[in-house]
Amino acid sequence: MIPWILLDKVSLPGDGKELRLSQRGTEYSIKVGASELMNSRAHSSEDALAKLACLKMKKAREPQILVGGLGMGFTLRVALNNLNARAHVLVAELVPEVVKWNHRFLSSLAKSPLNDKRVTVYEGDVVDKINTSKDFYHAILLDVDNGSEGLVQKKNDRLYSPCGLKAAYDALQSEGVLAVWSAGRDVTFTKHLRKAGFKVEEVQVPTHSGRKGGGAAVVWIAVKGK
């Protein structure tokens, strides 16, 4: 069996957890502690996150999109493929090294989405961009943890709290979309979305395209009212 090779690692801000990028042949993996955040062979659910959100905003002439979490670039690539030439996508990535990894090691996986002229990268907390926006974004896509709680860093919990969801609601335009990826269901989070004023769909999506028994993730599609 081909062994995993550690390409790079970085201590995360705040709690000092270690984020690691590894390679095995043509496969790449990003882990925090013992938990795998993403794998280059299992990105169908990340693709679905972008596709489902973009389906809800086809009427937008100049879409303004905020993507929380760059990962390996798959969500960003699918979003770009489903947006028009006038779109602008702001990617908020908390860990600068992840941006560097995408340029140095991972660019070919998603066909170099960071090179697209519609993309701007903000190396910082997506919360900053949400909290400083009002009726601005057509969609906010969140894939910064393994679910609706802070895994990468504990303070990410504020994204999924009632206050965080209210801030996201306020940052969206009328009929704007909040799309959130999760490794599994969370009934309480669904209730919090509805209490914040969103119309909510909870969609189960496969993690491995075309593979039976490959597991499933959840994408919440929450739409702001008119």
Protein backbone atom coordinates (compact mmCIF):
# COMPACT_ATOMS: atom_id res chain seq x y z
CA MET A 1 0.00 0.00 0.00
CA ILE A 2 1.21 3.49 -0.84
CA PRO A 3 2.06 5.36 2.39
CA TRP A 4 0.75 8.77 3.31
CA ILE A 5 3.29 11.59 3.03
CA LEU A 6 2.93 14.68 5.21
CA LEU A 7 3.27 17.72 2.94
CA ASP A 8 2.75 20.49 5.48
CA LYS A 9 1.20 21.28 8.84
CA VAL A 10 0.18 24.38 10.74
CA SER A 11 -1.06 25.21 14.23
CA LEU A 12 -4.50 26.76 14.12
CA PRO A 13 -5.12 30.13 15.76
CA GLY A 14 -6.71 30.13 19.16
CA ASP A 15 -6.59 26.58 20.52
CA GLY A 16 -3.37 25.36 18.85
CA LYS A 17 -4.90 22.37 17.06
CA GLU A 18 -2.78 21.10 14.18
CA LEU A 19 -4.02 21.14 10.59
CA ARG A 20 -2.18 18.70 8.32
CA LEU A 21 -2.06 18.22 4.55
CA SER A 22 -1.01 14.73 3.40
CA GLN A 23 -0.67 12.97 0.07
CA ARG A 24 -0.91 9.31 -0.98
CA GLY A 25 -0.33 8.86 -4.69
CA THR A 26 -2.86 11.17 -6.37
CA GLU A 27 -5.02 11.40 -3.20
CA TYR A 28 -4.89 14.33 -0.78
CA SER A 29 -6.24 14.63 2.74
CA ILE A 30 -6.60 17.50 5.22
CA LYS A 31 -7.01 16.56 8.88
CA VAL A 32 -7.34 18.38 12.15
CA GLY A 33 -6.27 16.12 14.99
CA ALA A 34 -7.65 12.66 14.21
CA SER A 35 -10.59 14.02 12.18
CA GLU A 36 -10.43 14.19 8.41
CA LEU A 37 -11.95 17.44 7.19
CA MET A 38 -11.71 16.64 3.50
CA ASN A 39 -10.36 14.15 1.01
CA SER A 40 -9.80 14.72 -2.69
CA ARG A 41 -11.60 11.48 -3.54
CA ALA A 42 -14.77 12.37 -1.65
CA HIS A 43 -16.03 15.81 -2.63
CA SER A 44 -19.48 15.10 -4.12
CA SER A 45 -21.21 16.63 -1.11
CA GLU A 46 -19.09 19.78 -1.34
CA ASP A 47 -20.03 19.98 -5.02
CA ALA A 48 -23.70 19.62 -4.05
CA LEU A 49 -23.39 22.48 -1.56
CA ALA A 50 -22.54 24.86 -4.40
CA LYS A 51 -24.96 23.40 -6.95
CA LEU A 52 -27.96 23.53 -4.61
CA ALA A 53 -27.21 27.12 -3.62
CA CYS A 54 -26.70 28.28 -7.21
CA LEU A 55 -30.01 26.73 -8.29
CA LYS A 56 -31.76 29.11 -5.89
CA MET A 57 -30.28 32.29 -7.41
CA LYS A 58 -30.48 31.81 -11.17
CA LYS A 59 -32.29 35.14 -11.54
CA ALA A 60 -29.44 37.18 -10.03
CA ARG A 61 -27.82 39.34 -12.73
CA GLU A 62 -24.66 40.11 -10.76
CA PRO A 63 -24.46 37.46 -8.04
CA GLN A 64 -22.52 38.32 -4.91
CA ILE A 65 -21.38 35.14 -3.16
CA LEU A 66 -19.54 34.58 0.10
CA VAL A 67 -17.83 31.21 0.55
CA GLY A 68 -16.68 30.37 4.05
CA GLY A 69 -13.86 27.85 3.84
CA LEU A 70 -11.65 27.22 0.79
CA GLY A 71 -10.82 23.58 1.50
CA MET A 72 -9.42 21.99 -1.65
CA GLY A 73 -11.32 24.36 -3.92
CA PHE A 74 -14.09 21.98 -5.03
CA THR A 75 -17.02 24.04 -3.71
CA LEU A 76 -15.54 27.17 -5.23
CA ARG A 77 -15.03 25.48 -8.62
CA VAL A 78 -18.60 24.21 -8.83
CA ALA A 79 -19.96 27.61 -7.80
CA LEU A 80 -17.94 29.31 -10.54
CA ASN A 81 -19.17 26.77 -13.10
CA ASN A 82 -22.76 27.64 -12.20
CA LEU A 83 -22.42 31.43 -12.04
CA ASN A 84 -22.43 33.96 -14.84
CA ALA A 85 -19.54 36.15 -15.95
CA ARG A 86 -20.73 39.10 -13.84
CA ALA A 87 -20.61 37.18 -10.56
CA HIS A 88 -18.19 37.96 -7.76
CA VAL A 89 -17.16 35.34 -5.23
CA LEU A 90 -15.43 36.27 -1.99
CA VAL A 91 -13.69 33.32 -0.34
CA ALA A 92 -12.99 33.73 3.37
CA GLU A 93 -10.26 31.35 4.57
CA LEU A 94 -9.13 31.62 8.16
CA VAL A 95 -5.86 29.72 7.68
CA PRO A 96 -3.45 31.41 5.20
CA GLU A 97 -1.58 28.13 4.73
CA VAL A 98 -4.69 26.57 3.18
CA VAL A 99 -4.60 29.24 0.49
CA LYS A 100 -0.91 28.47 -0.08
CA TRP A 101 -1.63 24.74 -0.27
CA ASN A 102 -4.24 25.39 -2.96
CA HIS A 103 -1.70 27.28 -5.04
CA ARG A 104 1.23 24.93 -4.44
CA PHE A 105 -0.19 21.42 -4.10
CA LEU A 106 -3.90 21.32 -4.89
CA SER A 107 -4.54 23.67 -7.81
CA SER A 108 -5.01 20.92 -10.41
CA LEU A 109 -7.70 19.12 -8.37
CA ALA A 110 -10.39 21.75 -9.03
CA LYS A 111 -8.81 23.35 -12.11
CA SER A 112 -7.25 26.34 -10.35
CA PRO A 113 -10.39 28.20 -9.19
CA LEU A 114 -8.33 30.85 -7.40
CA ASN A 115 -7.07 32.04 -10.78
CA ASP A 116 -10.59 33.00 -11.87
CA LYS A 117 -11.00 36.79 -12.17
CA ARG A 118 -14.36 36.58 -10.40
CA VAL A 119 -12.68 35.40 -7.19
CA THR A 120 -11.27 37.43 -4.30
CA VAL A 121 -9.65 35.77 -1.28
CA TYR A 122 -9.95 37.16 2.23
CA GLU A 123 -7.53 35.55 4.66
CA GLY A 124 -9.56 35.89 7.81
CA ASP A 125 -12.73 34.85 9.60
CA VAL A 126 -15.89 34.57 7.50
CA VAL A 127 -17.76 35.96 10.52
CA ASP A 128 -16.08 39.32 9.89
CA LYS A 129 -17.59 39.52 6.41
CA ILE A 130 -21.01 38.39 7.57
CA ASN A 131 -21.17 40.84 10.46
CA THR A 132 -20.14 43.83 8.34
CA SER A 133 -22.64 43.23 5.53
CA LYS A 134 -26.30 44.22 5.25
CA ASP A 135 -28.69 42.96 2.55
CA PHE A 136 -25.68 42.33 0.30
CA TYR A 137 -25.04 38.69 -0.59
CA HIS A 138 -27.15 36.52 -2.86
CA ALA A 139 -25.68 33.45 -1.18
CA ILE A 140 -23.46 32.49 1.75
CA LEU A 141 -21.90 29.02 1.56
CA LEU A 142 -20.42 27.62 4.76
CA ASP A 143 -18.09 24.62 4.84
CA VAL A 144 -15.72 25.49 7.64
CA ASP A 145 -16.33 22.52 9.97
CA ASN A 146 -17.64 18.96 9.89
CA GLY A 147 -21.09 20.10 10.90
CA SER A 148 -23.10 22.73 12.70
CA GLU A 149 -20.59 23.18 15.49
CA GLY A 150 -17.01 24.41 15.73
CA LEU A 151 -14.56 21.61 15.00
CA VAL A 152 -11.66 23.45 13.38
CA GLN A 153 -11.85 26.00 16.17
CA LYS A 154 -14.35 26.24 19.00
CA LYS A 155 -15.23 29.87 18.34
CA ASN A 156 -16.80 28.77 15.05
CA ASP A 157 -19.81 27.82 17.19
CA ARG A 158 -20.90 31.43 16.86
CA LEU A 159 -21.57 30.84 13.16
CA TYR A 160 -24.30 28.35 14.01
CA SER A 161 -25.74 30.05 17.10
CA PRO A 162 -29.04 31.97 16.93
CA CYS A 163 -27.05 35.23 16.91
CA GLY A 164 -24.81 33.97 14.11
CA LEU A 165 -27.76 32.87 12.01
CA LYS A 166 -29.46 36.24 12.55
CA ALA A 167 -26.29 37.95 11.29
CA ALA A 168 -26.25 35.72 8.20
CA TYR A 169 -29.94 36.47 7.60
CA ASP A 170 -29.23 40.20 7.76
CA ALA A 171 -26.23 39.90 5.42
CA LEU A 172 -28.34 38.30 2.68
CA GLN A 173 -30.45 40.05 0.10
CA SER A 174 -34.16 39.25 -0.17
CA GLU A 175 -34.52 35.59 -1.19
CA GLY A 176 -30.81 35.09 -0.54
CA VAL A 177 -29.51 31.63 0.33
CA LEU A 178 -27.57 30.36 3.33
CA ALA A 179 -26.11 26.94 2.47
CA VAL A 180 -24.40 24.94 5.22
CA TRP A 181 -22.54 21.62 4.86
CA SER A 182 -22.56 18.99 7.59
CA ALA A 183 -21.39 15.41 8.01
CA GLY A 184 -24.74 14.57 9.61
CA ARG A 185 -28.18 15.75 10.69
CA ASP A 186 -28.80 18.24 13.48
CA VAL A 187 -32.46 18.76 14.36
CA THR A 188 -31.67 21.62 16.73
CA PHE A 189 -29.79 23.51 14.04
CA THR A 190 -32.74 23.15 11.66
CA LYS A 191 -34.99 24.67 14.34
CA HIS A 192 -32.55 27.55 14.85
CA LEU A 193 -32.57 28.27 11.11
CA ARG A 194 -36.37 28.46 11.08
CA LYS A 195 -36.43 30.66 14.18
CA ALA A 196 -34.02 33.04 12.43
CA GLY A 197 -36.63 33.47 9.67
CA PHE A 198 -35.34 31.11 6.99
CA LYS A 199 -37.36 28.72 4.85
CA VAL A 200 -35.35 25.53 5.28
CA GLU A 201 -34.64 22.45 3.18
CA GLU A 202 -32.45 19.70 4.61
CA VAL A 203 -30.94 17.73 1.73
CA GLN A 204 -29.06 14.47 2.09
CA VAL A 205 -26.24 14.24 -0.47
CA PRO A 206 -23.71 11.47 -1.27
CA THR A 207 -20.09 11.97 -0.24
CA HIS A 208 -18.77 9.71 -3.03
CA SER A 209 -20.15 10.12 -6.53
CA GLY A 210 -21.35 6.86 -8.08
CA ARG A 211 -20.28 4.68 -5.14
CA LYS A 212 -22.90 2.64 -3.31
CA GLY A 213 -22.60 2.69 0.45
CA GLY A 214 -20.13 5.58 0.31
CA GLY A 215 -21.92 7.53 2.99
CA ALA A 216 -23.95 10.73 2.94
CA ALA A 217 -23.71 14.27 4.21
CA VAL A 218 -26.33 16.95 4.82
CA VAL A 219 -26.71 20.34 3.18
CA TRP A 220 -29.08 22.88 4.64
CA ILE A 221 -30.53 25.27 2.06
CA ALA A 222 -32.04 28.17 3.98
CA VAL A 223 -33.75 30.96 2.03
CA LYS A 224 -34.43 34.44 3.34
CA GLY A 225 -37.96 35.72 2.81
CA LYS A 226 -38.86 38.62 0.54
